[in-house]
Amino acid sequence: MHPLLPILIDAAHGRFPEADGATEVFAPDADGTVAVVGFTGHAFVLASVDPAEIGARQQDDAGGGFGGVFAPTLLSWLAGSWGVVGSTDVVLAARGRGGGSADVRELAIDDPARAHSRVHRAEEHRAGVRVFGDDAGLAIVGTGLAGRTELSVELFDPSRVAAGRGRALIAAGLTHVDPDDWCFAQVAAGNARSLRSFLAVGFVPIGSEVLITARGER
């Protein structure tokens, strides 16, 4: 088990790392993912780097756990020449609901809807990806960073669907996560519409993160 996973699960329960301004460095996860994950006053860097280098490069005299690890210069250094710095995402968590949902159908590997770019992106970052959908959009479930269960949704055309369809897809996706499991979602900080939808379904924000992916990945 990657050491970040129990920390994420504790945060989902409301038990957060100490807000001491510290930055802890872990190795990348089993898939080699490089990431920066921040909670209130405490941060984690998943990278094969010297912790002293992180301390020297973060731009926050009070400690990188207060935001210094998200400085563009530090993220660019972590990415080096091989990587691309992703967006700063809000990390949210909710309990799975189990039981499945009749509102969406699981898409087979050869279903044309699985050719959607959002599915390709999920498959680049997650294992065991399952895709559920209806005429409005997709709910995608898989195993992502540090072994956590992740959910993302995509509306085919948000301007042409009834209000609440995004929330319905999120709720349907949660029914395909075991009720004993925590489910995590990552939403770009500026995507207020998506954030409101996840919050309305019961997701709770626990932190933020940036993933750094190899050039050529979406």
N, C-alpha and C. Protein backbone atom coordinates (compact mmCIF):
# COMPACT_ATOMS: atom_id res chain seq x y z
N MET A 1 0.85 -1.20 0.00
CA MET A 1 0.00 0.00 0.00
C MET A 1 0.89 1.25 0.00
N HIS A 2 0.55 2.20 -0.87
CA HIS A 2 1.32 3.45 -0.88
C HIS A 2 0.99 4.25 0.38
N PRO A 3 1.99 4.89 1.01
CA PRO A 3 1.73 5.60 2.27
C PRO A 3 0.75 6.76 2.16
N LEU A 4 0.51 7.27 0.95
CA LEU A 4 -0.45 8.37 0.83
C LEU A 4 -1.88 7.89 0.99
N LEU A 5 -2.16 6.62 0.64
CA LEU A 5 -3.55 6.15 0.65
C LEU A 5 -4.20 6.26 2.03
N PRO A 6 -3.59 5.75 3.11
CA PRO A 6 -4.25 5.91 4.42
C PRO A 6 -4.40 7.37 4.85
N ILE A 7 -3.50 8.22 4.38
CA ILE A 7 -3.62 9.65 4.69
C ILE A 7 -4.86 10.23 4.01
N LEU A 8 -5.08 9.85 2.76
CA LEU A 8 -6.28 10.30 2.04
C LEU A 8 -7.55 9.78 2.71
N ILE A 9 -7.52 8.52 3.12
CA ILE A 9 -8.71 7.94 3.76
C ILE A 9 -8.97 8.59 5.11
N ASP A 10 -7.91 8.86 5.87
CA ASP A 10 -8.08 9.58 7.13
C ASP A 10 -8.71 10.95 6.89
N ALA A 11 -8.23 11.64 5.85
CA ALA A 11 -8.78 12.97 5.55
C ALA A 11 -10.25 12.87 5.17
N ALA A 12 -10.61 11.82 4.44
CA ALA A 12 -12.02 11.62 4.09
C ALA A 12 -12.88 11.45 5.34
N HIS A 13 -12.29 10.85 6.38
CA HIS A 13 -12.98 10.70 7.66
C HIS A 13 -12.96 11.98 8.49
N GLY A 14 -12.23 13.00 8.02
CA GLY A 14 -12.11 14.24 8.78
C GLY A 14 -10.90 14.29 9.68
N ARG A 15 -9.98 13.33 9.54
CA ARG A 15 -8.75 13.30 10.35
C ARG A 15 -7.59 13.75 9.46
N PHE A 16 -7.17 14.99 9.62
CA PHE A 16 -6.20 15.58 8.72
C PHE A 16 -4.80 15.60 9.32
N PRO A 17 -3.77 15.66 8.46
CA PRO A 17 -2.41 15.83 8.97
C PRO A 17 -2.29 17.12 9.78
N GLU A 18 -1.32 17.16 10.66
CA GLU A 18 -1.12 18.35 11.48
C GLU A 18 -0.80 19.55 10.59
N ALA A 19 -1.43 20.68 10.88
CA ALA A 19 -1.21 21.90 10.09
C ALA A 19 0.05 22.61 10.59
N ASP A 20 1.20 21.99 10.30
CA ASP A 20 2.47 22.49 10.82
C ASP A 20 3.36 23.10 9.75
N GLY A 21 2.83 23.22 8.54
CA GLY A 21 3.60 23.80 7.44
C GLY A 21 4.59 22.85 6.81
N ALA A 22 4.61 21.60 7.23
CA ALA A 22 5.61 20.66 6.75
C ALA A 22 5.26 20.11 5.37
N THR A 23 6.30 19.69 4.67
CA THR A 23 6.16 18.97 3.41
C THR A 23 6.86 17.63 3.54
N GLU A 24 6.14 16.56 3.29
CA GLU A 24 6.72 15.21 3.33
C GLU A 24 6.89 14.69 1.90
N VAL A 25 7.96 13.95 1.69
CA VAL A 25 8.26 13.42 0.36
C VAL A 25 8.12 11.90 0.38
N PHE A 26 7.31 11.38 -0.54
CA PHE A 26 7.16 9.95 -0.73
C PHE A 26 7.64 9.59 -2.14
N ALA A 27 7.91 8.33 -2.35
CA ALA A 27 8.20 7.86 -3.70
C ALA A 27 6.93 7.95 -4.54
N PRO A 28 7.07 8.01 -5.87
CA PRO A 28 5.87 7.92 -6.72
C PRO A 28 5.09 6.65 -6.41
N ASP A 29 3.82 6.63 -6.81
CA ASP A 29 3.02 5.44 -6.55
C ASP A 29 3.43 4.30 -7.48
N ALA A 30 2.71 3.19 -7.42
CA ALA A 30 3.10 1.99 -8.17
C ALA A 30 3.11 2.22 -9.67
N ASP A 31 2.33 3.20 -10.14
CA ASP A 31 2.30 3.52 -11.56
C ASP A 31 3.33 4.58 -11.94
N GLY A 32 4.13 5.01 -10.95
CA GLY A 32 5.13 6.03 -11.22
C GLY A 32 4.60 7.45 -11.27
N THR A 33 3.41 7.66 -10.73
CA THR A 33 2.80 8.98 -10.79
C THR A 33 3.55 9.97 -9.89
N VAL A 34 3.88 11.12 -10.45
CA VAL A 34 4.47 12.23 -9.70
C VAL A 34 3.35 13.21 -9.38
N ALA A 35 3.26 13.62 -8.13
CA ALA A 35 2.14 14.47 -7.72
C ALA A 35 2.52 15.33 -6.53
N VAL A 36 1.78 16.42 -6.37
CA VAL A 36 1.84 17.25 -5.17
C VAL A 36 0.43 17.28 -4.59
N VAL A 37 0.30 16.92 -3.34
CA VAL A 37 -1.01 16.85 -2.67
C VAL A 37 -0.96 17.72 -1.43
N GLY A 38 -1.89 18.65 -1.32
CA GLY A 38 -1.89 19.57 -0.20
C GLY A 38 -3.15 19.51 0.63
N PHE A 39 -2.95 19.51 1.95
CA PHE A 39 -4.06 19.65 2.89
C PHE A 39 -3.87 20.99 3.61
N THR A 40 -4.71 21.29 4.56
CA THR A 40 -4.56 22.53 5.30
C THR A 40 -3.25 22.49 6.09
N GLY A 41 -2.27 23.29 5.68
CA GLY A 41 -1.02 23.41 6.44
C GLY A 41 -0.09 22.22 6.38
N HIS A 42 -0.29 21.31 5.43
CA HIS A 42 0.59 20.14 5.32
C HIS A 42 0.51 19.63 3.89
N ALA A 43 1.67 19.24 3.35
CA ALA A 43 1.70 18.82 1.95
C ALA A 43 2.54 17.57 1.77
N PHE A 44 2.30 16.89 0.66
CA PHE A 44 3.03 15.68 0.31
C PHE A 44 3.47 15.78 -1.15
N VAL A 45 4.70 15.39 -1.39
CA VAL A 45 5.22 15.34 -2.75
C VAL A 45 5.55 13.89 -3.08
N LEU A 46 4.99 13.39 -4.16
CA LEU A 46 5.30 12.05 -4.63
C LEU A 46 6.28 12.18 -5.79
N ALA A 47 7.55 11.97 -5.50
CA ALA A 47 8.58 12.12 -6.53
C ALA A 47 9.88 11.53 -6.02
N SER A 48 10.72 11.09 -6.93
CA SER A 48 12.03 10.55 -6.57
C SER A 48 13.04 11.69 -6.50
N VAL A 49 12.91 12.47 -5.44
CA VAL A 49 13.77 13.65 -5.25
C VAL A 49 14.25 13.69 -3.81
N ASP A 50 15.30 14.45 -3.59
CA ASP A 50 15.84 14.66 -2.25
C ASP A 50 14.93 15.64 -1.51
N PRO A 51 14.40 15.26 -0.33
CA PRO A 51 13.55 16.20 0.42
C PRO A 51 14.21 17.54 0.67
N ALA A 52 15.53 17.57 0.81
CA ALA A 52 16.23 18.84 1.02
C ALA A 52 16.08 19.75 -0.18
N GLU A 53 16.03 19.15 -1.37
CA GLU A 53 15.84 19.95 -2.59
C GLU A 53 14.46 20.61 -2.59
N ILE A 54 13.46 19.86 -2.13
CA ILE A 54 12.11 20.43 -2.04
C ILE A 54 12.12 21.62 -1.09
N GLY A 55 12.74 21.45 0.06
CA GLY A 55 12.78 22.53 1.04
C GLY A 55 13.48 23.75 0.52
N ALA A 56 14.51 23.55 -0.28
CA ALA A 56 15.28 24.68 -0.80
C ALA A 56 14.54 25.43 -1.90
N ARG A 57 13.64 24.76 -2.59
CA ARG A 57 13.01 25.35 -3.76
C ARG A 57 11.60 25.88 -3.51
N GLN A 58 10.95 25.47 -2.43
CA GLN A 58 9.58 25.94 -2.23
C GLN A 58 9.57 27.39 -1.76
N GLN A 59 8.61 28.13 -2.25
CA GLN A 59 8.60 29.57 -2.05
C GLN A 59 7.60 29.98 -0.97
N ASP A 60 7.87 29.54 0.23
CA ASP A 60 7.01 29.90 1.35
C ASP A 60 7.84 29.80 2.61
N ASP A 61 8.19 30.94 3.20
CA ASP A 61 9.06 30.94 4.37
C ASP A 61 8.43 30.21 5.55
N ALA A 62 7.10 30.15 5.58
CA ALA A 62 6.41 29.50 6.69
C ALA A 62 6.33 27.99 6.51
N GLY A 63 6.71 27.50 5.34
CA GLY A 63 6.65 26.06 5.09
C GLY A 63 5.84 25.73 3.87
N GLY A 64 6.32 24.75 3.09
CA GLY A 64 5.64 24.40 1.85
C GLY A 64 4.24 23.89 2.07
N GLY A 65 3.95 23.37 3.27
CA GLY A 65 2.62 22.88 3.56
C GLY A 65 1.57 23.96 3.56
N PHE A 66 1.99 25.23 3.59
CA PHE A 66 1.05 26.34 3.52
C PHE A 66 0.90 26.87 2.09
N GLY A 67 1.34 26.10 1.14
CA GLY A 67 1.12 26.47 -0.26
C GLY A 67 2.36 26.57 -1.10
N GLY A 68 3.53 26.58 -0.45
CA GLY A 68 4.77 26.76 -1.19
C GLY A 68 5.05 25.66 -2.19
N VAL A 69 4.57 24.45 -1.93
CA VAL A 69 4.85 23.35 -2.86
C VAL A 69 4.08 23.49 -4.17
N PHE A 70 3.11 24.39 -4.22
CA PHE A 70 2.38 24.59 -5.46
C PHE A 70 2.93 25.75 -6.28
N ALA A 71 4.06 26.30 -5.87
CA ALA A 71 4.68 27.38 -6.64
C ALA A 71 5.02 26.88 -8.04
N PRO A 72 4.72 27.66 -9.07
CA PRO A 72 5.00 27.23 -10.44
C PRO A 72 6.45 26.82 -10.67
N THR A 73 7.38 27.52 -10.03
CA THR A 73 8.78 27.18 -10.24
C THR A 73 9.12 25.79 -9.70
N LEU A 74 8.52 25.42 -8.56
CA LEU A 74 8.77 24.11 -7.99
C LEU A 74 8.12 23.02 -8.84
N LEU A 75 6.90 23.26 -9.27
CA LEU A 75 6.22 22.28 -10.11
C LEU A 75 6.97 22.07 -11.43
N SER A 76 7.47 23.16 -12.00
CA SER A 76 8.24 23.04 -13.24
C SER A 76 9.52 22.26 -13.02
N TRP A 77 10.16 22.47 -11.87
CA TRP A 77 11.37 21.71 -11.56
C TRP A 77 11.06 20.23 -11.41
N LEU A 78 9.96 19.89 -10.75
CA LEU A 78 9.57 18.49 -10.62
C LEU A 78 9.29 17.87 -11.99
N ALA A 79 8.68 18.64 -12.88
CA ALA A 79 8.35 18.12 -14.20
C ALA A 79 9.60 17.94 -15.06
N GLY A 80 10.59 18.79 -14.86
CA GLY A 80 11.82 18.70 -15.65
C GLY A 80 11.52 18.76 -17.14
N SER A 81 12.28 18.02 -17.91
CA SER A 81 12.09 18.02 -19.36
C SER A 81 11.14 16.90 -19.82
N TRP A 82 10.79 16.00 -18.89
CA TRP A 82 9.99 14.84 -19.27
C TRP A 82 8.50 15.03 -19.05
N GLY A 83 8.12 15.95 -18.15
CA GLY A 83 6.74 15.99 -17.69
C GLY A 83 5.97 17.24 -18.03
N VAL A 84 4.66 17.14 -17.87
CA VAL A 84 3.74 18.25 -18.07
C VAL A 84 2.97 18.46 -16.77
N VAL A 85 2.95 19.70 -16.29
CA VAL A 85 2.25 20.03 -15.05
C VAL A 85 0.76 20.17 -15.34
N GLY A 86 -0.05 19.41 -14.60
CA GLY A 86 -1.49 19.47 -14.79
C GLY A 86 -2.13 20.63 -14.04
N SER A 87 -3.44 20.68 -14.06
CA SER A 87 -4.17 21.74 -13.38
C SER A 87 -4.15 21.52 -11.87
N THR A 88 -4.40 22.59 -11.14
CA THR A 88 -4.59 22.47 -9.70
C THR A 88 -6.04 22.05 -9.46
N ASP A 89 -6.21 20.87 -8.90
CA ASP A 89 -7.55 20.32 -8.69
C ASP A 89 -7.93 20.31 -7.22
N VAL A 90 -9.21 20.51 -6.97
CA VAL A 90 -9.77 20.27 -5.65
C VAL A 90 -10.00 18.76 -5.52
N VAL A 91 -9.58 18.18 -4.40
CA VAL A 91 -9.80 16.75 -4.14
C VAL A 91 -11.00 16.62 -3.23
N LEU A 92 -11.96 15.80 -3.64
CA LEU A 92 -13.18 15.58 -2.87
C LEU A 92 -13.35 14.10 -2.58
N ALA A 93 -14.10 13.79 -1.53
CA ALA A 93 -14.30 12.40 -1.14
C ALA A 93 -15.75 12.16 -0.74
N ALA A 94 -16.22 10.95 -1.03
CA ALA A 94 -17.57 10.53 -0.62
C ALA A 94 -17.56 9.01 -0.47
N ARG A 95 -18.44 8.50 0.33
CA ARG A 95 -18.60 7.07 0.47
C ARG A 95 -19.26 6.49 -0.78
N GLY A 96 -18.82 5.31 -1.19
CA GLY A 96 -19.55 4.59 -2.22
C GLY A 96 -20.93 4.23 -1.72
N ARG A 97 -21.84 3.97 -2.64
CA ARG A 97 -23.21 3.65 -2.26
C ARG A 97 -23.59 2.21 -2.57
N GLY A 98 -22.89 1.60 -3.53
CA GLY A 98 -23.16 0.21 -3.88
C GLY A 98 -24.53 0.00 -4.49
N GLY A 99 -24.78 -1.20 -4.92
CA GLY A 99 -26.10 -1.57 -5.42
C GLY A 99 -26.32 -1.38 -6.89
N GLY A 100 -25.46 -0.60 -7.55
CA GLY A 100 -25.66 -0.35 -8.96
C GLY A 100 -26.82 0.61 -9.21
N SER A 101 -26.97 1.03 -10.45
CA SER A 101 -28.03 1.97 -10.79
C SER A 101 -28.62 1.62 -12.14
N ALA A 102 -29.94 1.61 -12.21
CA ALA A 102 -30.61 1.36 -13.48
C ALA A 102 -30.60 2.58 -14.38
N ASP A 103 -30.13 3.71 -13.86
CA ASP A 103 -30.14 4.94 -14.64
C ASP A 103 -29.03 4.98 -15.69
N VAL A 104 -27.99 4.14 -15.52
CA VAL A 104 -26.90 4.10 -16.48
C VAL A 104 -26.59 2.65 -16.82
N ARG A 105 -26.01 2.43 -17.97
CA ARG A 105 -25.59 1.08 -18.36
C ARG A 105 -24.08 1.05 -18.45
N GLU A 106 -23.49 -0.10 -18.15
CA GLU A 106 -22.05 -0.23 -18.29
C GLU A 106 -21.70 -0.43 -19.76
N LEU A 107 -20.71 0.32 -20.22
CA LEU A 107 -20.33 0.28 -21.62
C LEU A 107 -19.28 -0.79 -21.84
N ALA A 108 -19.50 -1.64 -22.83
CA ALA A 108 -18.54 -2.67 -23.19
C ALA A 108 -17.31 -2.03 -23.83
N ILE A 109 -16.23 -2.79 -23.89
CA ILE A 109 -14.97 -2.28 -24.45
C ILE A 109 -15.17 -1.76 -25.87
N ASP A 110 -16.02 -2.42 -26.66
CA ASP A 110 -16.19 -2.02 -28.05
C ASP A 110 -17.32 -1.03 -28.27
N ASP A 111 -17.90 -0.51 -27.19
CA ASP A 111 -18.97 0.48 -27.33
C ASP A 111 -18.38 1.78 -27.88
N PRO A 112 -18.97 2.37 -28.93
CA PRO A 112 -18.42 3.60 -29.52
C PRO A 112 -18.27 4.74 -28.51
N ALA A 113 -19.13 4.79 -27.49
CA ALA A 113 -19.04 5.87 -26.51
C ALA A 113 -17.75 5.81 -25.71
N ARG A 114 -17.11 4.62 -25.63
CA ARG A 114 -15.85 4.50 -24.91
C ARG A 114 -14.69 5.14 -25.65
N ALA A 115 -14.94 5.56 -26.88
CA ALA A 115 -13.90 6.26 -27.64
C ALA A 115 -13.77 7.72 -27.23
N HIS A 116 -14.61 8.16 -26.31
CA HIS A 116 -14.58 9.55 -25.87
C HIS A 116 -13.21 9.88 -25.25
N SER A 117 -12.74 11.09 -25.47
CA SER A 117 -11.42 11.50 -24.98
C SER A 117 -11.33 11.42 -23.46
N ARG A 118 -12.44 11.63 -22.77
CA ARG A 118 -12.42 11.56 -21.31
C ARG A 118 -12.13 10.14 -20.84
N VAL A 119 -12.60 9.15 -21.58
CA VAL A 119 -12.32 7.77 -21.23
C VAL A 119 -10.85 7.46 -21.48
N HIS A 120 -10.32 7.91 -22.62
CA HIS A 120 -8.91 7.69 -22.91
C HIS A 120 -8.03 8.30 -21.82
N ARG A 121 -8.39 9.49 -21.38
CA ARG A 121 -7.60 10.13 -20.33
C ARG A 121 -7.65 9.33 -19.04
N ALA A 122 -8.85 8.84 -18.69
CA ALA A 122 -8.98 8.03 -17.48
C ALA A 122 -8.12 6.78 -17.57
N GLU A 123 -8.10 6.15 -18.73
CA GLU A 123 -7.34 4.91 -18.88
C GLU A 123 -5.83 5.15 -18.80
N GLU A 124 -5.39 6.37 -19.08
CA GLU A 124 -3.97 6.69 -18.95
C GLU A 124 -3.55 6.88 -17.50
N HIS A 125 -4.52 7.22 -16.63
CA HIS A 125 -4.19 7.53 -15.24
C HIS A 125 -4.77 6.55 -14.23
N ARG A 126 -5.61 5.62 -14.68
CA ARG A 126 -6.29 4.72 -13.76
C ARG A 126 -6.23 3.29 -14.26
N ALA A 127 -6.36 2.37 -13.33
CA ALA A 127 -6.43 0.95 -13.65
C ALA A 127 -7.86 0.46 -13.43
N GLY A 128 -8.22 -0.63 -14.09
CA GLY A 128 -9.54 -1.22 -13.88
C GLY A 128 -10.68 -0.28 -14.20
N VAL A 129 -10.52 0.51 -15.26
CA VAL A 129 -11.53 1.53 -15.58
C VAL A 129 -12.84 0.88 -16.03
N ARG A 130 -13.93 1.32 -15.43
CA ARG A 130 -15.29 0.93 -15.83
C ARG A 130 -16.02 2.20 -16.24
N VAL A 131 -16.80 2.08 -17.30
CA VAL A 131 -17.49 3.25 -17.85
C VAL A 131 -18.99 2.98 -17.87
N PHE A 132 -19.75 3.92 -17.33
CA PHE A 132 -21.21 3.82 -17.28
C PHE A 132 -21.77 5.06 -17.98
N GLY A 133 -22.89 4.91 -18.66
CA GLY A 133 -23.39 6.07 -19.37
C GLY A 133 -24.86 6.00 -19.70
N ASP A 134 -25.35 7.15 -20.18
CA ASP A 134 -26.68 7.27 -20.74
C ASP A 134 -26.58 8.25 -21.91
N ASP A 135 -27.70 8.72 -22.39
CA ASP A 135 -27.66 9.62 -23.53
C ASP A 135 -27.04 10.97 -23.20
N ALA A 136 -26.95 11.30 -21.92
CA ALA A 136 -26.43 12.61 -21.52
C ALA A 136 -24.93 12.63 -21.32
N GLY A 137 -24.36 11.51 -20.86
CA GLY A 137 -22.94 11.55 -20.57
C GLY A 137 -22.41 10.27 -19.97
N LEU A 138 -21.25 10.36 -19.33
CA LEU A 138 -20.52 9.21 -18.83
C LEU A 138 -20.15 9.39 -17.37
N ALA A 139 -20.11 8.28 -16.64
CA ALA A 139 -19.52 8.22 -15.31
C ALA A 139 -18.42 7.17 -15.37
N ILE A 140 -17.21 7.54 -14.95
CA ILE A 140 -16.04 6.69 -15.12
C ILE A 140 -15.44 6.40 -13.76
N VAL A 141 -15.26 5.11 -13.45
CA VAL A 141 -14.75 4.68 -12.16
C VAL A 141 -13.48 3.85 -12.39
N GLY A 142 -12.45 4.10 -11.59
CA GLY A 142 -11.23 3.32 -11.71
C GLY A 142 -10.33 3.54 -10.50
N THR A 143 -9.18 2.86 -10.51
CA THR A 143 -8.21 2.98 -9.43
C THR A 143 -7.11 3.94 -9.87
N GLY A 144 -6.94 5.02 -9.12
CA GLY A 144 -6.01 6.06 -9.52
C GLY A 144 -4.85 6.26 -8.55
N LEU A 145 -4.53 7.51 -8.28
CA LEU A 145 -3.37 7.88 -7.49
C LEU A 145 -3.30 7.11 -6.18
N ALA A 146 -2.16 6.48 -5.93
CA ALA A 146 -1.87 5.78 -4.67
C ALA A 146 -2.84 4.63 -4.38
N GLY A 147 -3.61 4.20 -5.40
CA GLY A 147 -4.53 3.08 -5.20
C GLY A 147 -5.92 3.48 -4.75
N ARG A 148 -6.24 4.76 -4.80
CA ARG A 148 -7.58 5.19 -4.38
C ARG A 148 -8.59 4.97 -5.51
N THR A 149 -9.85 4.82 -5.15
CA THR A 149 -10.94 4.72 -6.12
C THR A 149 -11.33 6.12 -6.55
N GLU A 150 -11.42 6.34 -7.85
CA GLU A 150 -11.70 7.67 -8.38
C GLU A 150 -12.92 7.64 -9.30
N LEU A 151 -13.66 8.74 -9.28
CA LEU A 151 -14.84 8.91 -10.13
C LEU A 151 -14.73 10.22 -10.89
N SER A 152 -15.00 10.16 -12.19
CA SER A 152 -15.12 11.38 -12.98
C SER A 152 -16.36 11.27 -13.85
N VAL A 153 -16.89 12.40 -14.27
CA VAL A 153 -18.08 12.40 -15.13
C VAL A 153 -17.86 13.35 -16.29
N GLU A 154 -18.59 13.10 -17.34
CA GLU A 154 -18.52 13.95 -18.54
C GLU A 154 -19.89 14.05 -19.17
N LEU A 155 -20.38 15.28 -19.36
CA LEU A 155 -21.61 15.50 -20.10
C LEU A 155 -21.25 15.72 -21.57
N PHE A 156 -21.95 15.04 -22.47
CA PHE A 156 -21.63 15.17 -23.89
C PHE A 156 -21.83 16.60 -24.38
N ASP A 157 -22.91 17.23 -23.95
CA ASP A 157 -23.19 18.61 -24.34
C ASP A 157 -23.97 19.28 -23.20
N PRO A 158 -23.25 19.92 -22.27
CA PRO A 158 -23.92 20.50 -21.10
C PRO A 158 -25.02 21.50 -21.45
N SER A 159 -24.92 22.13 -22.62
CA SER A 159 -25.91 23.15 -22.99
C SER A 159 -27.24 22.53 -23.44
N ARG A 160 -27.25 21.21 -23.66
CA ARG A 160 -28.45 20.57 -24.21
C ARG A 160 -29.09 19.55 -23.28
N VAL A 161 -28.64 19.50 -22.05
CA VAL A 161 -29.22 18.54 -21.12
C VAL A 161 -29.95 19.27 -20.00
N ALA A 162 -30.90 18.57 -19.42
CA ALA A 162 -31.68 19.16 -18.34
C ALA A 162 -30.80 19.39 -17.11
N ALA A 163 -31.16 20.39 -16.35
CA ALA A 163 -30.44 20.66 -15.10
C ALA A 163 -30.49 19.44 -14.20
N GLY A 164 -29.37 19.14 -13.58
CA GLY A 164 -29.31 18.02 -12.66
C GLY A 164 -28.76 16.75 -13.26
N ARG A 165 -28.51 16.71 -14.59
CA ARG A 165 -28.02 15.48 -15.20
C ARG A 165 -26.60 15.16 -14.72
N GLY A 166 -25.77 16.19 -14.53
CA GLY A 166 -24.43 15.94 -14.01
C GLY A 166 -24.48 15.32 -12.63
N ARG A 167 -25.34 15.86 -11.77
CA ARG A 167 -25.49 15.30 -10.42
C ARG A 167 -26.01 13.87 -10.48
N ALA A 168 -26.92 13.60 -11.41
CA ALA A 168 -27.46 12.24 -11.54
C ALA A 168 -26.37 11.26 -11.96
N LEU A 169 -25.47 11.67 -12.84
CA LEU A 169 -24.38 10.79 -13.27
C LEU A 169 -23.41 10.53 -12.12
N ILE A 170 -23.12 11.57 -11.34
CA ILE A 170 -22.23 11.39 -10.18
C ILE A 170 -22.85 10.40 -9.20
N ALA A 171 -24.13 10.59 -8.91
CA ALA A 171 -24.82 9.69 -7.98
C ALA A 171 -24.85 8.27 -8.51
N ALA A 172 -25.08 8.11 -9.82
CA ALA A 172 -25.09 6.78 -10.41
C ALA A 172 -23.71 6.15 -10.33
N GLY A 173 -22.66 6.95 -10.56
CA GLY A 173 -21.31 6.43 -10.44
C GLY A 173 -21.01 5.91 -9.05
N LEU A 174 -21.48 6.60 -8.03
CA LEU A 174 -21.24 6.18 -6.66
C LEU A 174 -21.90 4.84 -6.34
N THR A 175 -22.97 4.51 -7.05
CA THR A 175 -23.62 3.22 -6.80
C THR A 175 -22.77 2.07 -7.31
N HIS A 176 -21.75 2.37 -8.11
CA HIS A 176 -20.85 1.34 -8.60
C HIS A 176 -19.53 1.33 -7.83
N VAL A 177 -19.55 1.95 -6.66
CA VAL A 177 -18.44 1.89 -5.71
C VAL A 177 -18.97 1.25 -4.44
N ASP A 178 -18.24 0.28 -3.92
CA ASP A 178 -18.68 -0.45 -2.73
C ASP A 178 -18.92 0.51 -1.57
N PRO A 179 -19.98 0.32 -0.80
CA PRO A 179 -20.27 1.23 0.32
C PRO A 179 -19.20 1.22 1.41
N ASP A 180 -18.33 0.22 1.43
CA ASP A 180 -17.23 0.20 2.39
C ASP A 180 -16.00 0.95 1.87
N ASP A 181 -16.09 1.47 0.66
CA ASP A 181 -14.94 2.12 0.03
C ASP A 181 -15.17 3.62 -0.08
N TRP A 182 -14.10 4.37 0.09
CA TRP A 182 -14.17 5.81 -0.17
C TRP A 182 -13.91 6.06 -1.64
N CYS A 183 -14.62 7.01 -2.20
CA CYS A 183 -14.47 7.39 -3.60
C CYS A 183 -13.96 8.82 -3.65
N PHE A 184 -12.99 9.07 -4.51
CA PHE A 184 -12.38 10.39 -4.62
C PHE A 184 -12.62 10.97 -6.00
N ALA A 185 -12.73 12.28 -6.04
CA ALA A 185 -12.90 12.99 -7.31
C ALA A 185 -11.97 14.18 -7.32
N GLN A 186 -11.48 14.53 -8.50
CA GLN A 186 -10.60 15.68 -8.66
C GLN A 186 -11.26 16.64 -9.65
N VAL A 187 -11.47 17.87 -9.23
CA VAL A 187 -12.15 18.85 -10.07
C VAL A 187 -11.28 20.10 -10.15
N ALA A 188 -11.06 20.59 -11.36
CA ALA A 188 -10.27 21.82 -11.53
C ALA A 188 -10.87 22.93 -10.68
N ALA A 189 -10.01 23.67 -10.00
CA ALA A 189 -10.47 24.66 -9.03
C ALA A 189 -11.42 25.69 -9.64
N GLY A 190 -11.25 26.00 -10.91
CA GLY A 190 -12.10 27.01 -11.54
C GLY A 190 -13.40 26.46 -12.10
N ASN A 191 -13.59 25.15 -12.06
CA ASN A 191 -14.79 24.54 -12.64
C ASN A 191 -15.91 24.54 -11.61
N ALA A 192 -16.45 25.72 -11.38
CA ALA A 192 -17.44 25.89 -10.31
C ALA A 192 -18.68 25.04 -10.55
N ARG A 193 -19.09 24.90 -11.80
CA ARG A 193 -20.30 24.12 -12.10
C ARG A 193 -20.11 22.67 -11.66
N SER A 194 -18.97 22.10 -12.00
CA SER A 194 -18.71 20.71 -11.61
C SER A 194 -18.57 20.59 -10.09
N LEU A 195 -17.88 21.54 -9.47
CA LEU A 195 -17.73 21.50 -8.02
C LEU A 195 -19.09 21.52 -7.33
N ARG A 196 -19.98 22.37 -7.79
CA ARG A 196 -21.31 22.45 -7.18
C ARG A 196 -22.04 21.12 -7.32
N SER A 197 -21.85 20.46 -8.46
CA SER A 197 -22.53 19.18 -8.68
C SER A 197 -22.02 18.11 -7.72
N PHE A 198 -20.69 18.02 -7.57
CA PHE A 198 -20.14 17.02 -6.66
C PHE A 198 -20.54 17.31 -5.22
N LEU A 199 -20.52 18.56 -4.83
CA LEU A 199 -20.92 18.92 -3.47
C LEU A 199 -22.39 18.58 -3.23
N ALA A 200 -23.23 18.80 -4.22
CA ALA A 200 -24.66 18.54 -4.07
C ALA A 200 -24.95 17.06 -3.86
N VAL A 201 -24.08 16.20 -4.38
CA VAL A 201 -24.28 14.75 -4.26
C VAL A 201 -23.68 14.21 -2.97
N GLY A 202 -22.94 15.03 -2.25
CA GLY A 202 -22.41 14.59 -0.96
C GLY A 202 -20.91 14.50 -0.87
N PHE A 203 -20.20 14.83 -1.94
CA PHE A 203 -18.74 14.88 -1.85
C PHE A 203 -18.31 16.04 -0.97
N VAL A 204 -17.21 15.83 -0.25
CA VAL A 204 -16.67 16.84 0.66
C VAL A 204 -15.23 17.16 0.24
N PRO A 205 -14.86 18.45 0.13
CA PRO A 205 -13.49 18.78 -0.24
C PRO A 205 -12.52 18.47 0.90
N ILE A 206 -11.38 17.84 0.56
CA ILE A 206 -10.40 17.51 1.60
C ILE A 206 -9.03 18.12 1.33
N GLY A 207 -8.78 18.58 0.11
CA GLY A 207 -7.45 19.13 -0.19
C GLY A 207 -7.35 19.52 -1.64
N SER A 208 -6.11 19.60 -2.12
CA SER A 208 -5.87 19.94 -3.52
C SER A 208 -4.68 19.14 -4.02
N GLU A 209 -4.53 19.08 -5.34
CA GLU A 209 -3.41 18.33 -5.88
C GLU A 209 -3.09 18.76 -7.30
N VAL A 210 -1.86 18.47 -7.70
CA VAL A 210 -1.41 18.63 -9.07
C VAL A 210 -0.72 17.34 -9.49
N LEU A 211 -1.10 16.79 -10.63
CA LEU A 211 -0.40 15.64 -11.18
C LEU A 211 0.56 16.10 -12.26
N ILE A 212 1.70 15.43 -12.32
CA ILE A 212 2.67 15.71 -13.37
C ILE A 212 2.78 14.45 -14.21
N THR A 213 2.45 14.56 -15.48
CA THR A 213 2.41 13.39 -16.36
C THR A 213 3.47 13.50 -17.46
N ALA A 214 3.83 12.35 -17.98
CA ALA A 214 4.84 12.32 -19.04
C ALA A 214 4.32 13.01 -20.30
N ARG A 215 5.21 13.68 -20.99
CA ARG A 215 4.83 14.33 -22.24
C ARG A 215 4.29 13.29 -23.20
N GLY A 216 3.19 13.66 -23.89
CA GLY A 216 2.55 12.72 -24.79
C GLY A 216 1.28 12.14 -24.20
N GLU A 217 1.17 12.15 -22.85
CA GLU A 217 -0.09 11.74 -22.23
C GLU A 217 -1.05 12.90 -22.27
N ARG A 218 -2.35 12.60 -22.23
CA ARG A 218 -3.35 13.66 -22.28
C ARG A 218 -3.52 14.28 -20.92
